[in-house]
Amino acid sequence: MSKTKTQTQDKRSRKFIFIPFCVLCQAFQAQGIVRYDFSSVMTDIIEEIMKHDLNIIQMPCPESKLGGYKNGLQRLPQSIKKYDTPEFREICMNCASEVMEQIKAILENGYEIAGILGIENSPSCSIKLQYSNNGAYRQPGIFIEELKKQLERDGIEIPLLGINRRGVEITLVRLKQMLDTDQVSVQQKNLNEF
């Protein structure tokens, strides 16, 4: 495909954000997980993103890929320990590689990435929290863990923020803080979680 300059002004937003698949499609959550105010789309999160004029990239759902999408849509909730298998890790590594390809292309074309969102307590997409019968503990989801490895390997720093479904108000405050920060250069950002 050839690169030619357009004669009209390009008004595309120069900023992106990566979100978990289920933020735009709650049906891809495990059965019984969707108990809060969002039956289809996490509207509060999407509305905050839209206020900042960001291009939204929906990351793949590794849990739905395990055993095929038909089985993925029918799955029951499982702990990260049950998902931590060689087969599922491979799915997560492949999904992370797919996202990394997009991230690199975005950055190489001079665009900015405002952040990567995850879903706390998700065995795949949690940024830092898991839940067990003994309470919450710190551990990223397997997909996010694999994505962080690839980001670190390539020296790319992007802010990460976990969406807490039980505390969306706090998440919205942190999301706004993350999106309001100076967007000078994605390389100057810290890989710390908000």
Protein backbone atom coordinates (compact mmCIF):
# COMPACT_ATOMS: atom_id res chain seq x y z
CA MET A 1 0.00 0.00 0.00
CA SER A 2 1.45 3.37 -0.97
CA LYS A 3 1.75 6.33 1.37
CA THR A 4 0.37 9.49 -0.15
CA LYS A 5 -0.38 12.78 1.52
CA THR A 6 -4.00 13.70 1.79
CA GLN A 7 -5.10 17.09 0.52
CA THR A 8 -7.52 17.62 3.41
CA GLN A 9 -6.69 18.27 7.05
CA ASP A 10 -6.44 15.06 9.07
CA LYS A 11 -8.56 15.46 12.19
CA ARG A 12 -7.99 12.00 13.65
CA SER A 13 -7.20 11.86 17.36
CA ARG A 14 -3.51 11.12 17.97
CA LYS A 15 -4.16 9.30 21.26
CA PHE A 16 -5.14 5.72 22.02
CA ILE A 17 -6.22 3.61 24.97
CA PHE A 18 -6.34 -0.19 25.20
CA ILE A 19 -9.27 -1.73 27.06
CA PRO A 20 -10.29 -5.29 27.99
CA PHE A 21 -12.71 -6.92 25.58
CA CYS A 22 -15.46 -7.11 28.21
CA VAL A 23 -15.58 -3.36 28.86
CA LEU A 24 -17.50 -3.06 25.58
CA CYS A 25 -19.08 -6.51 25.75
CA GLN A 26 -20.08 -7.74 29.21
CA ALA A 27 -21.50 -10.95 27.70
CA PHE A 28 -17.88 -12.13 27.41
CA GLN A 29 -17.53 -12.14 31.22
CA ALA A 30 -17.82 -15.52 32.93
CA GLN A 31 -21.37 -16.45 33.91
CA GLY A 32 -22.51 -14.82 37.15
CA ILE A 33 -19.77 -12.16 37.16
CA VAL A 34 -21.89 -9.31 35.76
CA ARG A 35 -23.74 -8.26 38.92
CA TYR A 36 -23.21 -4.54 38.97
CA ASP A 37 -24.66 -1.66 36.95
CA PHE A 38 -23.31 -2.66 33.54
CA SER A 39 -25.23 -5.38 31.68
CA SER A 40 -23.67 -4.78 28.26
CA VAL A 41 -21.13 -1.89 28.23
CA MET A 42 -19.26 -0.28 31.13
CA THR A 43 -20.72 3.07 30.12
CA ASP A 44 -19.09 5.21 32.85
CA ILE A 45 -15.63 4.05 31.77
CA ILE A 46 -16.33 4.55 28.05
CA GLU A 47 -17.87 7.99 28.63
CA GLU A 48 -14.75 9.14 30.52
CA ILE A 49 -12.54 7.85 27.70
CA MET A 50 -14.68 9.63 25.12
CA LYS A 51 -14.36 12.94 27.03
CA HIS A 52 -10.62 12.71 26.32
CA ASP A 53 -11.06 12.04 22.58
CA LEU A 54 -9.17 8.73 22.61
CA ASN A 55 -9.15 6.00 20.01
CA ILE A 56 -10.30 2.83 21.78
CA ILE A 57 -8.64 -0.49 21.05
CA GLN A 58 -10.42 -3.54 22.42
CA MET A 59 -7.87 -6.16 23.50
CA PRO A 60 -8.67 -9.85 22.89
CA CYS A 61 -10.30 -11.99 25.60
CA PRO A 62 -7.95 -14.92 26.32
CA GLU A 63 -10.47 -16.72 28.54
CA SER A 64 -13.00 -16.78 25.69
CA LYS A 65 -10.39 -18.17 23.31
CA LEU A 66 -9.68 -21.15 25.58
CA GLY A 67 -11.73 -24.00 24.14
CA GLY A 68 -13.21 -21.75 21.44
CA TYR A 69 -15.58 -18.81 21.64
CA LYS A 70 -18.70 -20.97 22.01
CA ASN A 71 -17.29 -22.53 25.18
CA GLY A 72 -15.80 -19.19 26.21
CA LEU A 73 -19.21 -17.56 26.30
CA GLN A 74 -20.55 -20.39 28.46
CA ARG A 75 -17.67 -20.54 30.93
CA LEU A 76 -18.06 -20.39 34.67
CA PRO A 77 -15.79 -18.27 36.88
CA GLN A 78 -12.44 -19.86 37.75
CA SER A 79 -9.49 -18.78 39.80
CA ILE A 80 -6.18 -17.76 38.30
CA LYS A 81 -4.70 -21.01 39.64
CA LYS A 82 -7.07 -23.05 37.45
CA TYR A 83 -6.22 -20.95 34.39
CA ASP A 84 -2.45 -21.07 34.93
CA THR A 85 -1.75 -23.92 32.51
CA PRO A 86 0.73 -24.16 29.61
CA GLU A 87 -2.15 -24.03 27.10
CA PHE A 88 -3.68 -20.89 28.60
CA ARG A 89 -0.28 -19.20 29.00
CA GLU A 90 0.34 -19.77 25.30
CA ILE A 91 -3.03 -18.17 24.45
CA CYS A 92 -2.13 -15.20 26.68
CA MET A 93 1.34 -14.86 25.12
CA ASN A 94 -0.21 -14.87 21.64
CA CYS A 95 -2.80 -12.26 22.67
CA ALA A 96 -0.04 -10.14 24.24
CA SER A 97 2.02 -10.39 21.02
CA GLU A 98 -1.00 -9.25 19.00
CA VAL A 99 -1.47 -6.23 21.29
CA MET A 100 2.27 -5.48 21.18
CA GLU A 101 2.17 -5.41 17.39
CA GLN A 102 -0.57 -2.77 17.60
CA ILE A 103 1.29 -0.78 20.27
CA LYS A 104 4.50 -0.71 18.23
CA ALA A 105 2.67 0.36 15.07
CA ILE A 106 0.89 3.16 16.93
CA LEU A 107 4.10 4.47 18.49
CA GLU A 108 6.16 4.12 15.28
CA ASN A 109 3.58 6.29 13.51
CA GLY A 110 3.96 9.09 16.05
CA TYR A 111 0.75 8.48 17.98
CA GLU A 112 0.45 8.35 21.79
CA ILE A 113 -0.94 5.68 24.09
CA ALA A 114 -2.65 7.11 27.17
CA GLY A 115 -2.90 3.78 28.97
CA ILE A 116 -3.90 0.16 29.20
CA LEU A 117 -6.93 -0.77 31.29
CA GLY A 118 -7.50 -4.11 32.97
CA ILE A 119 -10.25 -5.65 35.11
CA GLU A 120 -9.29 -6.33 38.71
CA ASN A 121 -9.90 -9.87 39.98
CA SER A 122 -9.76 -11.22 36.42
CA PRO A 123 -7.52 -14.26 35.97
CA SER A 124 -6.50 -12.77 32.61
CA CYS A 125 -6.80 -8.99 32.69
CA SER A 126 -6.21 -7.98 36.29
CA ILE A 127 -3.57 -5.29 36.71
CA LYS A 128 -2.75 -6.16 40.30
CA LEU A 129 -5.53 -7.87 42.31
CA GLN A 130 -6.89 -11.40 42.48
CA TYR A 131 -9.57 -12.70 44.81
CA SER A 132 -9.77 -16.00 46.66
CA ASN A 133 -11.86 -17.39 49.51
CA ASN A 134 -9.16 -15.98 51.81
CA GLY A 135 -9.55 -12.44 50.43
CA ALA A 136 -7.74 -10.29 47.88
CA TYR A 137 -4.04 -10.63 47.07
CA ARG A 138 -1.62 -8.94 44.68
CA GLN A 139 -1.08 -10.76 41.39
CA PRO A 140 -1.68 -9.59 37.83
CA GLY A 141 -3.79 -11.63 35.47
CA ILE A 142 -1.89 -14.00 33.18
CA PHE A 143 -2.55 -11.99 30.00
CA ILE A 144 -1.47 -8.71 31.66
CA GLU A 145 1.59 -10.46 33.11
CA GLU A 146 2.61 -11.62 29.62
CA LEU A 147 1.89 -8.17 28.15
CA LYS A 148 3.99 -6.47 30.85
CA LYS A 149 6.90 -8.83 30.06
CA GLN A 150 6.77 -7.84 26.40
CA LEU A 151 6.44 -4.13 27.19
CA GLU A 152 9.46 -4.30 29.51
CA ARG A 153 11.46 -6.36 26.99
CA ASP A 154 10.88 -3.69 24.35
CA GLY A 155 11.44 -0.76 26.73
CA ILE A 156 7.91 0.60 26.28
CA GLU A 157 6.33 2.29 29.29
CA ILE A 158 2.56 2.77 29.35
CA PRO A 159 0.40 3.50 32.41
CA LEU A 160 -1.77 0.61 33.57
CA LEU A 161 -5.04 0.94 35.48
CA GLY A 162 -7.27 -1.80 36.85
CA ILE A 163 -11.03 -1.28 36.74
CA ASN A 164 -12.62 -2.29 40.01
CA ARG A 165 -16.21 -3.30 39.26
CA ARG A 166 -17.10 -2.97 42.94
CA GLY A 167 -15.60 0.51 43.16
CA VAL A 168 -16.17 2.10 39.77
CA GLU A 169 -16.28 5.60 41.30
CA ILE A 170 -12.69 5.26 42.56
CA THR A 171 -11.64 3.79 39.22
CA LEU A 172 -13.18 6.78 37.41
CA VAL A 173 -11.21 9.21 39.59
CA ARG A 174 -7.98 7.33 38.84
CA LEU A 175 -8.83 7.07 35.13
CA LYS A 176 -9.42 10.81 34.94
CA GLN A 177 -6.10 11.45 36.73
CA MET A 178 -4.32 9.13 34.31
CA LEU A 179 -5.89 10.73 31.24
CA ASP A 180 -5.36 14.28 32.48
CA THR A 181 -1.61 13.79 32.94
CA ASP A 182 0.76 15.49 30.50
CA GLN A 183 0.95 13.43 27.32
CA VAL A 184 4.40 14.71 26.24
CA SER A 185 5.87 11.32 25.39
CA VAL A 186 4.79 7.78 26.11
CA GLN A 187 8.45 6.87 26.69
CA GLN A 188 8.61 9.31 29.62
CA LYS A 189 5.68 7.64 31.36
CA ASN A 190 6.09 5.25 34.21
CA LEU A 191 4.96 1.63 34.03
CA ASN A 192 3.57 2.06 37.54
CA GLU A 193 -0.05 1.21 38.00
CA PHE A 194 -2.45 4.02 38.81
